[in-house]
């Protein structure tokens, strides 16, 4: 018998989530800040997948077990931060190892709609990361983040006045900017895991261009590469930019150019045949990309070796 799966629960508003978690109404219909310790036990152990139509920032502390980061497990004594964007599918597969302390900050897009921050949200790539690609805070970073959350909490629980929203949005932007800085630090300090991912990427691309996949499927996409490496596209590109200064797409193009150079110098295949063999429908597209990367045409590159 085919196993039935429960569809994800769609949660449209902050108030709706409060009702589902058996919490009092939020102080503001578009924003909420709650402690994990204040959540009912059944809310903290829920395992059903859900989709939010608002932003959520989860600061989790005091885990009972280990947390998965990429393909490895780590012990975390300090806080872990996850960033959830509207429309993102969320599932906690092992609630028994969940946090026993921390914060949940929920912000509806309408709360920031008339602020410059609304346009900047897409620039914070970590809102597109997978849950297992959480930000792991040092003790100093955790204290700083909790200080900002404390300021938000104070403003959130105070009497609303014409400046309340401005102040909360300002603190939110500060929190996100610090998170950007701390993620950059994480990419650098976790060098073994980061460089292992880079090595796997290079091996994956080399194998792809060496076999028949490129001829049959065309150029690998960023999504394909990310899926093969079990990371989100945004996380992979941000990590690569930190390590190498180049995005995932640029790494794909680099692997393509390396293969093209090898073929140009070791075979007598025409430029058109090489282009088709590398997954291009039109040789002109291949030549244009090759020249943009090397400053010479494929034919001129070949002639330089004769």
C-alpha atoms as a PDB file:
ATOM      1  CA  UNK A   1       0.000   0.000   0.000  1.00  0.00           C
ATOM      2  CA  UNK A   2       1.245   3.445  -0.886  1.00  0.00           C
ATOM      3  CA  UNK A   3       2.215   5.438   2.185  1.00  0.00           C
ATOM      4  CA  UNK A   4       0.059   8.520   2.692  1.00  0.00           C
ATOM      5  CA  UNK A   5       1.829  11.778   3.364  1.00  0.00           C
ATOM      6  CA  UNK A   6       0.380  14.742   5.168  1.00  0.00           C
ATOM      7  CA  UNK A   7       0.486  17.894   3.019  1.00  0.00           C
ATOM      8  CA  UNK A   8       2.376  20.835   4.508  1.00  0.00           C
ATOM      9  CA  UNK A   9       0.337  23.219   6.616  1.00  0.00           C
ATOM     10  CA  UNK A  10       0.026  26.701   5.092  1.00  0.00           C
ATOM     11  CA  UNK A  11       0.194  29.482   7.692  1.00  0.00           C
ATOM     12  CA  UNK A  12      -0.714  32.880   6.301  1.00  0.00           C
ATOM     13  CA  UNK A  13      -0.380  35.218   9.270  1.00  0.00           C
ATOM     14  CA  UNK A  14       1.515  35.740  12.501  1.00  0.00           C
ATOM     15  CA  UNK A  15      -1.771  35.619  14.437  1.00  0.00           C
ATOM     16  CA  UNK A  16      -2.641  32.264  12.847  1.00  0.00           C
ATOM     17  CA  UNK A  17       0.653  30.775  13.989  1.00  0.00           C
ATOM     18  CA  UNK A  18       0.036  32.058  17.518  1.00  0.00           C
ATOM     19  CA  UNK A  19      -3.347  30.295  17.542  1.00  0.00           C
ATOM     20  CA  UNK A  20      -1.841  27.050  16.282  1.00  0.00           C
ATOM     21  CA  UNK A  21       0.798  27.179  19.026  1.00  0.00           C
ATOM     22  CA  UNK A  22      -1.825  27.992  21.689  1.00  0.00           C
ATOM     23  CA  UNK A  23      -0.201  31.338  22.431  1.00  0.00           C
ATOM     24  CA  UNK A  24      -1.883  34.647  23.301  1.00  0.00           C
ATOM     25  CA  UNK A  25      -2.506  37.086  20.464  1.00  0.00           C
ATOM     26  CA  UNK A  26       0.650  38.882  19.272  1.00  0.00           C
ATOM     27  CA  UNK A  27       1.218  42.444  20.436  1.00  0.00           C
ATOM     28  CA  UNK A  28       1.192  43.461  16.763  1.00  0.00           C
ATOM     29  CA  UNK A  29      -0.642  41.560  13.963  1.00  0.00           C
ATOM     30  CA  UNK A  30       2.390  41.755  11.637  1.00  0.00           C
ATOM     31  CA  UNK A  31       5.286  41.021  14.006  1.00  0.00           C
ATOM     32  CA  UNK A  32       5.927  38.802  17.013  1.00  0.00           C
ATOM     33  CA  UNK A  33       8.816  37.819  19.274  1.00  0.00           C
ATOM     34  CA  UNK A  34       8.495  34.844  21.604  1.00  0.00           C
ATOM     35  CA  UNK A  35      10.779  32.663  23.725  1.00  0.00           C
ATOM     36  CA  UNK A  36      11.092  28.944  23.011  1.00  0.00           C
ATOM     37  CA  UNK A  37      10.611  28.386  26.729  1.00  0.00           C
ATOM     38  CA  UNK A  38       7.154  29.988  26.482  1.00  0.00           C
ATOM     39  CA  UNK A  39       5.990  27.558  23.815  1.00  0.00           C
ATOM     40  CA  UNK A  40       3.655  24.765  24.937  1.00  0.00           C
ATOM     41  CA  UNK A  41       5.386  21.384  24.930  1.00  0.00           C
ATOM     42  CA  UNK A  42       3.220  20.056  22.092  1.00  0.00           C
ATOM     43  CA  UNK A  43       4.157  23.069  19.930  1.00  0.00           C
ATOM     44  CA  UNK A  44       7.883  22.495  20.533  1.00  0.00           C
ATOM     45  CA  UNK A  45       7.624  18.813  19.567  1.00  0.00           C
ATOM     46  CA  UNK A  46       5.434  19.210  16.477  1.00  0.00           C
ATOM     47  CA  UNK A  47       6.907  17.536  13.414  1.00  0.00           C
ATOM     48  CA  UNK A  48       4.442  18.381  10.607  1.00  0.00           C
ATOM     49  CA  UNK A  49       5.897  20.232   7.656  1.00  0.00           C
ATOM     50  CA  UNK A  50       4.607  23.755   7.154  1.00  0.00           C
ATOM     51  CA  UNK A  51       4.890  26.788   4.874  1.00  0.00           C
ATOM     52  CA  UNK A  52       4.853  30.339   6.220  1.00  0.00           C
ATOM     53  CA  UNK A  53       3.742  33.407   4.305  1.00  0.00           C
ATOM     54  CA  UNK A  54       6.013  35.612   6.405  1.00  0.00           C
ATOM     55  CA  UNK A  55       9.633  35.770   7.548  1.00  0.00           C
ATOM     56  CA  UNK A  56      10.803  33.863  10.604  1.00  0.00           C
ATOM     57  CA  UNK A  57      14.174  34.060  12.328  1.00  0.00           C
ATOM     58  CA  UNK A  58      14.811  31.211  14.778  1.00  0.00           C
ATOM     59  CA  UNK A  59      17.530  31.578  17.399  1.00  0.00           C
ATOM     60  CA  UNK A  60      17.908  28.143  18.990  1.00  0.00           C
ATOM     61  CA  UNK A  61      19.948  27.360  22.104  1.00  0.00           C
ATOM     62  CA  UNK A  62      20.712  24.475  24.414  1.00  0.00           C
ATOM     63  CA  UNK A  63      20.239  21.526  22.064  1.00  0.00           C
ATOM     64  CA  UNK A  64      19.664  18.106  23.561  1.00  0.00           C
ATOM     65  CA  UNK A  65      21.761  16.405  20.897  1.00  0.00           C
ATOM     66  CA  UNK A  66      23.846  17.166  17.853  1.00  0.00           C
ATOM     67  CA  UNK A  67      22.876  19.372  14.951  1.00  0.00           C
ATOM     68  CA  UNK A  68      23.534  18.495  11.320  1.00  0.00           C
ATOM     69  CA  UNK A  69      25.564  21.071   9.397  1.00  0.00           C
ATOM     70  CA  UNK A  70      25.944  20.105   5.742  1.00  0.00           C
ATOM     71  CA  UNK A  71      26.837  16.422   5.702  1.00  0.00           C
ATOM     72  CA  UNK A  72      28.326  16.316   9.212  1.00  0.00           C
ATOM     73  CA  UNK A  73      27.089  16.509  12.793  1.00  0.00           C
ATOM     74  CA  UNK A  74      28.453  18.983  15.325  1.00  0.00           C
ATOM     75  CA  UNK A  75      27.937  19.703  19.007  1.00  0.00           C
ATOM     76  CA  UNK A  76      26.805  23.272  19.581  1.00  0.00           C
ATOM     77  CA  UNK A  77      27.080  24.881  22.991  1.00  0.00           C
ATOM     78  CA  UNK A  78      26.113  28.295  21.653  1.00  0.00           C
ATOM     79  CA  UNK A  79      23.190  29.499  19.560  1.00  0.00           C
ATOM     80  CA  UNK A  80      22.120  28.454  16.097  1.00  0.00           C
ATOM     81  CA  UNK A  81      20.159  30.784  13.804  1.00  0.00           C
ATOM     82  CA  UNK A  82      17.878  29.757  10.929  1.00  0.00           C
ATOM     83  CA  UNK A  83      16.295  32.207   8.486  1.00  0.00           C
ATOM     84  CA  UNK A  84      12.986  31.269   6.900  1.00  0.00           C
ATOM     85  CA  UNK A  85      11.467  33.219   4.010  1.00  0.00           C
ATOM     86  CA  UNK A  86       7.831  33.331   2.844  1.00  0.00           C
ATOM     87  CA  UNK A  87       6.907  30.245   0.858  1.00  0.00           C
ATOM     88  CA  UNK A  88       9.778  28.090   2.153  1.00  0.00           C
ATOM     89  CA  UNK A  89       8.908  24.516   3.122  1.00  0.00           C
ATOM     90  CA  UNK A  90       9.983  23.780   6.698  1.00  0.00           C
ATOM     91  CA  UNK A  91      10.133  20.429   8.452  1.00  0.00           C
ATOM     92  CA  UNK A  92      11.718  19.367  11.715  1.00  0.00           C
ATOM     93  CA  UNK A  93      12.440  15.663  11.168  1.00  0.00           C
ATOM     94  CA  UNK A  94      13.825  14.970  14.643  1.00  0.00           C
ATOM     95  CA  UNK A  95      12.069  17.177  17.199  1.00  0.00           C
ATOM     96  CA  UNK A  96      13.522  15.168  20.084  1.00  0.00           C
ATOM     97  CA  UNK A  97      16.885  16.836  19.540  1.00  0.00           C
ATOM     98  CA  UNK A  98      15.413  20.323  19.287  1.00  0.00           C
ATOM     99  CA  UNK A  99      16.317  23.445  21.255  1.00  0.00           C
ATOM    100  CA  UNK A 100      15.163  24.088  24.809  1.00  0.00           C
ATOM    101  CA  UNK A 101      15.788  27.831  24.715  1.00  0.00           C
ATOM    102  CA  UNK A 102      15.981  30.686  22.247  1.00  0.00           C
ATOM    103  CA  UNK A 103      13.751  33.078  20.336  1.00  0.00           C
ATOM    104  CA  UNK A 104      11.307  33.122  17.448  1.00  0.00           C
ATOM    105  CA  UNK A 105      11.057  36.418  15.581  1.00  0.00           C
ATOM    106  CA  UNK A 106       8.254  36.613  13.010  1.00  0.00           C
ATOM    107  CA  UNK A 107       7.867  39.500  10.568  1.00  0.00           C
ATOM    108  CA  UNK A 108       5.181  39.763   7.905  1.00  0.00           C
ATOM    109  CA  UNK A 109       6.324  41.346   4.603  1.00  0.00           C
ATOM    110  CA  UNK A 110       3.655  44.032   5.043  1.00  0.00           C
ATOM    111  CA  UNK A 111       5.425  45.248   8.198  1.00  0.00           C
ATOM    112  CA  UNK A 112       8.483  46.341   6.178  1.00  0.00           C
ATOM    113  CA  UNK A 113       6.782  47.007   2.844  1.00  0.00           C
ATOM    114  CA  UNK A 114       7.213  50.804   2.929  1.00  0.00           C
ATOM    115  CA  UNK A 115      10.831  50.679   4.114  1.00  0.00           C
ATOM    116  CA  UNK A 116      14.082  50.346   2.103  1.00  0.00           C
ATOM    117  CA  UNK A 117      14.668  47.074   3.962  1.00  0.00           C
ATOM    118  CA  UNK A 118      11.855  45.444   1.942  1.00  0.00           C
ATOM    119  CA  UNK A 119      13.904  45.773  -1.247  1.00  0.00           C
ATOM    120  CA  UNK A 120      17.070  44.582   0.508  1.00  0.00           C
ATOM    121  CA  UNK A 121      15.590  41.316   1.800  1.00  0.00           C
ATOM    122  CA  UNK A 122      16.427  39.460  -1.430  1.00  0.00           C
ATOM    123  CA  UNK A 123      20.079  40.441  -0.956  1.00  0.00           C
ATOM    124  CA  UNK A 124      20.257  38.449   2.285  1.00  0.00           C
ATOM    125  CA  UNK A 125      21.022  35.109   0.661  1.00  0.00           C
ATOM    126  CA  UNK A 126      20.673  33.170   3.921  1.00  0.00           C
ATOM    127  CA  UNK A 127      16.872  33.441   3.668  1.00  0.00           C
ATOM    128  CA  UNK A 128      17.206  30.961   0.784  1.00  0.00           C
ATOM    129  CA  UNK A 129      19.461  28.506   2.644  1.00  0.00           C
ATOM    130  CA  UNK A 130      18.236  25.105   3.736  1.00  0.00           C
ATOM    131  CA  UNK A 131      17.468  24.586   7.409  1.00  0.00           C
ATOM    132  CA  UNK A 132      20.578  22.436   7.919  1.00  0.00           C
ATOM    133  CA  UNK A 133      22.719  25.369   6.697  1.00  0.00           C
ATOM    134  CA  UNK A 134      22.050  27.343   9.866  1.00  0.00           C
ATOM    135  CA  UNK A 135      24.300  30.063  11.259  1.00  0.00           C
ATOM    136  CA  UNK A 136      26.280  28.818  14.269  1.00  0.00           C
ATOM    137  CA  UNK A 137      27.119  31.623  16.685  1.00  0.00           C
ATOM    138  CA  UNK A 138      30.150  32.042  18.895  1.00  0.00           C
ATOM    139  CA  UNK A 139      29.521  33.132  22.494  1.00  0.00           C
ATOM    140  CA  UNK A 140      30.336  36.756  21.600  1.00  0.00           C
ATOM    141  CA  UNK A 141      28.104  36.702  18.533  1.00  0.00           C
ATOM    142  CA  UNK A 142      25.276  35.125  20.485  1.00  0.00           C
ATOM    143  CA  UNK A 143      25.465  37.857  23.118  1.00  0.00           C
ATOM    144  CA  UNK A 144      25.368  40.538  20.434  1.00  0.00           C
ATOM    145  CA  UNK A 145      22.356  38.978  18.663  1.00  0.00           C
ATOM    146  CA  UNK A 146      20.514  38.521  21.944  1.00  0.00           C
ATOM    147  CA  UNK A 147      21.186  42.160  22.780  1.00  0.00           C
ATOM    148  CA  UNK A 148      19.517  43.243  19.529  1.00  0.00           C
ATOM    149  CA  UNK A 149      16.592  40.896  20.188  1.00  0.00           C
ATOM    150  CA  UNK A 150      16.282  42.338  23.675  1.00  0.00           C
ATOM    151  CA  UNK A 151      15.925  45.802  22.162  1.00  0.00           C
ATOM    152  CA  UNK A 152      13.287  44.519  19.736  1.00  0.00           C
ATOM    153  CA  UNK A 153      11.462  42.831  22.610  1.00  0.00           C
ATOM    154  CA  UNK A 154      11.440  46.015  24.661  1.00  0.00           C
ATOM    155  CA  UNK A 155      10.018  47.997  21.749  1.00  0.00           C
ATOM    156  CA  UNK A 156       7.556  45.234  20.842  1.00  0.00           C
ATOM    157  CA  UNK A 157       6.103  45.091  24.351  1.00  0.00           C
ATOM    158  CA  UNK A 158       5.960  48.856  24.851  1.00  0.00           C
ATOM    159  CA  UNK A 159       2.969  51.005  24.040  1.00  0.00           C
ATOM    160  CA  UNK A 160       2.756  51.534  20.268  1.00  0.00           C
ATOM    161  CA  UNK A 161       3.496  55.065  19.095  1.00  0.00           C
ATOM    162  CA  UNK A 162       4.305  56.614  15.661  1.00  0.00           C
ATOM    163  CA  UNK A 163       7.959  55.577  16.012  1.00  0.00           C
ATOM    164  CA  UNK A 164       7.534  51.951  17.114  1.00  0.00           C
ATOM    165  CA  UNK A 165       7.598  50.428  13.648  1.00  0.00           C
ATOM    166  CA  UNK A 166      10.561  52.565  12.545  1.00  0.00           C
ATOM    167  CA  UNK A 167      12.583  51.438  15.563  1.00  0.00           C
ATOM    168  CA  UNK A 168      11.775  47.730  15.173  1.00  0.00           C
ATOM    169  CA  UNK A 169      12.602  47.793  11.447  1.00  0.00           C
ATOM    170  CA  UNK A 170      15.904  49.532  12.234  1.00  0.00           C
ATOM    171  CA  UNK A 171      16.850  46.866  14.782  1.00  0.00           C
ATOM    172  CA  UNK A 172      15.814  44.133  12.339  1.00  0.00           C
ATOM    173  CA  UNK A 173      18.132  45.537   9.671  1.00  0.00           C
ATOM    174  CA  UNK A 174      21.003  45.664  12.170  1.00  0.00           C
ATOM    175  CA  UNK A 175      20.354  42.027  13.109  1.00  0.00           C
ATOM    176  CA  UNK A 176      20.400  40.946   9.456  1.00  0.00           C
ATOM    177  CA  UNK A 177      23.591  42.877   8.697  1.00  0.00           C
ATOM    178  CA  UNK A 178      25.376  41.254  11.644  1.00  0.00           C
ATOM    179  CA  UNK A 179      24.093  37.854  10.489  1.00  0.00           C
ATOM    180  CA  UNK A 180      25.616  38.500   7.071  1.00  0.00           C
ATOM    181  CA  UNK A 181      28.961  39.215   8.730  1.00  0.00           C
ATOM    182  CA  UNK A 182      28.761  36.131  10.942  1.00  0.00           C
ATOM    183  CA  UNK A 183      27.911  33.840   8.003  1.00  0.00           C
ATOM    184  CA  UNK A 184      30.982  35.121   6.195  1.00  0.00           C
ATOM    185  CA  UNK A 185      33.030  34.277   9.278  1.00  0.00           C
ATOM    186  CA  UNK A 186      31.474  30.798   9.388  1.00  0.00           C
ATOM    187  CA  UNK A 187      32.457  30.045   5.788  1.00  0.00           C
ATOM    188  CA  UNK A 188      36.056  30.938   6.649  1.00  0.00           C
ATOM    189  CA  UNK A 189      36.373  29.308  10.071  1.00  0.00           C
ATOM    190  CA  UNK A 190      34.845  26.006   8.971  1.00  0.00           C
ATOM    191  CA  UNK A 191      37.565  25.648   6.359  1.00  0.00           C
ATOM    192  CA  UNK A 192      37.709  21.869   6.318  1.00  0.00           C
ATOM    193  CA  UNK A 193      33.991  21.506   5.565  1.00  0.00           C
ATOM    194  CA  UNK A 194      34.011  24.444   3.139  1.00  0.00           C
ATOM    195  CA  UNK A 195      37.075  23.313   1.208  1.00  0.00           C
ATOM    196  CA  UNK A 196      35.740  19.761   1.133  1.00  0.00           C
ATOM    197  CA  UNK A 197      32.600  21.102  -0.538  1.00  0.00           C
ATOM    198  CA  UNK A 198      34.746  23.053  -3.015  1.00  0.00           C
ATOM    199  CA  UNK A 199      36.768  19.910  -3.843  1.00  0.00           C
ATOM    200  CA  UNK A 200      33.560  17.919  -4.360  1.00  0.00           C
ATOM    201  CA  UNK A 201      32.252  20.641  -6.677  1.00  0.00           C
ATOM    202  CA  UNK A 202      35.399  20.571  -8.813  1.00  0.00           C
ATOM    203  CA  UNK A 203      35.306  16.766  -8.994  1.00  0.00           C
ATOM    204  CA  UNK A 204      31.620  16.826  -9.917  1.00  0.00           C
ATOM    205  CA  UNK A 205      32.165  19.328 -12.736  1.00  0.00           C
ATOM    206  CA  UNK A 206      35.226  17.496 -14.050  1.00  0.00           C
ATOM    207  CA  UNK A 207      33.283  14.225 -14.228  1.00  0.00           C
ATOM    208  CA  UNK A 208      30.292  15.928 -15.837  1.00  0.00           C
ATOM    209  CA  UNK A 209      32.341  17.472 -18.653  1.00  0.00           C
ATOM    210  CA  UNK A 210      34.463  14.340 -19.106  1.00  0.00           C
ATOM    211  CA  UNK A 211      31.458  12.067 -19.712  1.00  0.00           C
ATOM    212  CA  UNK A 212      28.384  12.083 -21.894  1.00  0.00           C
ATOM    213  CA  UNK A 213      26.200  14.089 -19.537  1.00  0.00           C
ATOM    214  CA  UNK A 214      27.140  17.438 -21.015  1.00  0.00           C
ATOM    215  CA  UNK A 215      26.311  16.261 -24.549  1.00  0.00           C
ATOM    216  CA  UNK A 216      23.022  14.702 -23.468  1.00  0.00           C
ATOM    217  CA  UNK A 217      21.833  17.258 -20.915  1.00  0.00           C
ATOM    218  CA  UNK A 218      23.642  20.462 -21.818  1.00  0.00           C
ATOM    219  CA  UNK A 219      25.481  22.684 -19.384  1.00  0.00           C
ATOM    220  CA  UNK A 220      24.908  21.834 -15.712  1.00  0.00           C
ATOM    221  CA  UNK A 221      22.699  24.341 -13.932  1.00  0.00           C
ATOM    222  CA  UNK A 222      23.363  25.843 -10.517  1.00  0.00           C
ATOM    223  CA  UNK A 223      20.318  23.946  -9.224  1.00  0.00           C
ATOM    224  CA  UNK A 224      21.652  20.635 -10.572  1.00  0.00           C
ATOM    225  CA  UNK A 225      25.074  21.162  -9.005  1.00  0.00           C
ATOM    226  CA  UNK A 226      23.547  22.177  -5.661  1.00  0.00           C
ATOM    227  CA  UNK A 227      21.270  19.141  -5.632  1.00  0.00           C
ATOM    228  CA  UNK A 228      24.230  16.837  -6.277  1.00  0.00           C
ATOM    229  CA  UNK A 229      26.124  18.428  -3.374  1.00  0.00           C
ATOM    230  CA  UNK A 230      23.067  18.424  -1.066  1.00  0.00           C
ATOM    231  CA  UNK A 231      23.162  22.157  -0.384  1.00  0.00           C
ATOM    232  CA  UNK A 232      20.914  25.035  -1.398  1.00  0.00           C
ATOM    233  CA  UNK A 233      21.899  27.119  -4.460  1.00  0.00           C
ATOM    234  CA  UNK A 234      22.160  30.339  -2.440  1.00  0.00           C
ATOM    235  CA  UNK A 235      24.328  28.765   0.254  1.00  0.00           C
ATOM    236  CA  UNK A 236      26.683  27.231  -2.294  1.00  0.00           C
ATOM    237  CA  UNK A 237      27.143  30.467  -4.244  1.00  0.00           C
ATOM    238  CA  UNK A 238      27.696  32.525  -1.086  1.00  0.00           C
ATOM    239  CA  UNK A 239      30.231  30.019   0.254  1.00  0.00           C
ATOM    240  CA  UNK A 240      32.096  29.962  -3.063  1.00  0.00           C
ATOM    241  CA  UNK A 241      32.193  33.759  -3.266  1.00  0.00           C
ATOM    242  CA  UNK A 242      33.747  33.840   0.198  1.00  0.00           C
ATOM    243  CA  UNK A 243      36.342  31.161  -0.606  1.00  0.00           C
ATOM    244  CA  UNK A 244      37.148  31.987  -4.234  1.00  0.00           C
ATOM    245  CA  UNK A 245      35.484  35.295  -5.094  1.00  0.00           C
ATOM    246  CA  UNK A 246      33.379  33.541  -7.745  1.00  0.00           C
ATOM    247  CA  UNK A 247      29.789  32.289  -7.858  1.00  0.00           C
ATOM    248  CA  UNK A 248      28.655  28.751  -8.678  1.00  0.00           C
ATOM    249  CA  UNK A 249      27.814  29.829 -12.240  1.00  0.00           C
ATOM    250  CA  UNK A 250      31.341  31.151 -12.688  1.00  0.00           C
ATOM    251  CA  UNK A 251      32.786  27.851 -11.463  1.00  0.00           C
ATOM    252  CA  UNK A 252      30.634  26.015 -14.017  1.00  0.00           C
ATOM    253  CA  UNK A 253      31.900  28.294 -16.771  1.00  0.00           C
ATOM    254  CA  UNK A 254      35.500  27.819 -15.601  1.00  0.00           C
ATOM    255  CA  UNK A 255      35.131  24.040 -15.840  1.00  0.00           C
ATOM    256  CA  UNK A 256      33.610  24.434 -19.300  1.00  0.00           C
ATOM    257  CA  UNK A 257      36.488  26.616 -20.506  1.00  0.00           C
ATOM    258  CA  UNK A 258      39.066  24.174 -19.143  1.00  0.00           C
ATOM    259  CA  UNK A 259      37.411  21.344 -21.060  1.00  0.00           C
ATOM    260  CA  UNK A 260      37.119  23.490 -24.187  1.00  0.00           C
ATOM    261  CA  UNK A 261      40.812  24.426 -24.060  1.00  0.00           C
ATOM    262  CA  UNK A 262      41.779  20.788 -23.646  1.00  0.00           C
ATOM    263  CA  UNK A 263      39.659  19.738 -26.622  1.00  0.00           C
ATOM    264  CA  UNK A 264      40.900  22.594 -28.812  1.00  0.00           C
ATOM    265  CA  UNK A 265      44.547  21.684 -28.211  1.00  0.00           C
ATOM    266  CA  UNK A 266      44.358  17.879 -28.259  1.00  0.00           C
ATOM    267  CA  UNK A 267      41.851  17.135 -31.043  1.00  0.00           C
ATOM    268  CA  UNK A 268      41.129  18.227 -34.604  1.00  0.00           C
ATOM    269  CA  UNK A 269      37.400  18.684 -33.962  1.00  0.00           C
ATOM    270  CA  UNK A 270      35.936  21.850 -35.458  1.00  0.00           C
ATOM    271  CA  UNK A 271      34.771  24.666 -33.192  1.00  0.00           C
ATOM    272  CA  UNK A 272      31.198  23.759 -34.045  1.00  0.00           C
ATOM    273  CA  UNK A 273      31.714  20.102 -33.124  1.00  0.00           C
ATOM    274  CA  UNK A 274      33.297  21.117 -29.833  1.00  0.00           C
ATOM    275  CA  UNK A 275      30.403  23.471 -29.117  1.00  0.00           C
ATOM    276  CA  UNK A 276      27.817  20.747 -29.705  1.00  0.00           C
ATOM    277  CA  UNK A 277      29.857  18.312 -27.629  1.00  0.00           C
ATOM    278  CA  UNK A 278      29.779  20.767 -24.733  1.00  0.00           C
ATOM    279  CA  UNK A 279      26.015  21.082 -24.835  1.00  0.00           C
ATOM    280  CA  UNK A 280      25.610  24.271 -26.878  1.00  0.00           C
ATOM    281  CA  UNK A 281      22.814  24.416 -29.437  1.00  0.00           C
ATOM    282  CA  UNK A 282      24.548  27.209 -31.337  1.00  0.00           C
ATOM    283  CA  UNK A 283      28.345  27.407 -31.885  1.00  0.00           C
ATOM    284  CA  UNK A 284      28.116  31.196 -31.777  1.00  0.00           C
ATOM    285  CA  UNK A 285      27.012  31.043 -28.132  1.00  0.00           C
ATOM    286  CA  UNK A 286      30.016  28.886 -27.282  1.00  0.00           C
ATOM    287  CA  UNK A 287      32.424  31.197 -29.111  1.00  0.00           C
ATOM    288  CA  UNK A 288      30.967  34.257 -27.409  1.00  0.00           C
ATOM    289  CA  UNK A 289      31.330  32.713 -23.936  1.00  0.00           C
ATOM    290  CA  UNK A 290      34.848  31.435 -24.689  1.00  0.00           C
ATOM    291  CA  UNK A 291      36.006  34.868 -25.850  1.00  0.00           C
ATOM    292  CA  UNK A 292      34.417  36.596 -22.851  1.00  0.00           C
ATOM    293  CA  UNK A 293      36.430  34.336 -20.556  1.00  0.00           C
ATOM    294  CA  UNK A 294      39.751  34.219 -22.428  1.00  0.00           C
ATOM    295  CA  UNK A 295      39.773  37.407 -24.555  1.00  0.00           C
ATOM    296  CA  UNK A 296      40.418  35.314 -27.674  1.00  0.00           C
ATOM    297  CA  UNK A 297      38.183  33.266 -29.960  1.00  0.00           C
ATOM    298  CA  UNK A 298      38.331  29.441 -29.842  1.00  0.00           C
ATOM    299  CA  UNK A 299      40.005  29.355 -33.257  1.00  0.00           C
ATOM    300  CA  UNK A 300      42.604  31.959 -32.262  1.00  0.00           C
ATOM    301  CA  UNK A 301      43.319  29.984 -29.084  1.00  0.00           C
ATOM    302  CA  UNK A 302      43.889  26.808 -31.138  1.00  0.00           C
ATOM    303  CA  UNK A 303      46.167  28.592 -33.621  1.00  0.00           C
ATOM    304  CA  UNK A 304      48.297  29.951 -30.787  1.00  0.00           C
ATOM    305  CA  UNK A 305      49.369  26.364 -30.038  1.00  0.00           C
ATOM    306  CA  UNK A 306      50.374  25.551 -33.622  1.00  0.00           C
END
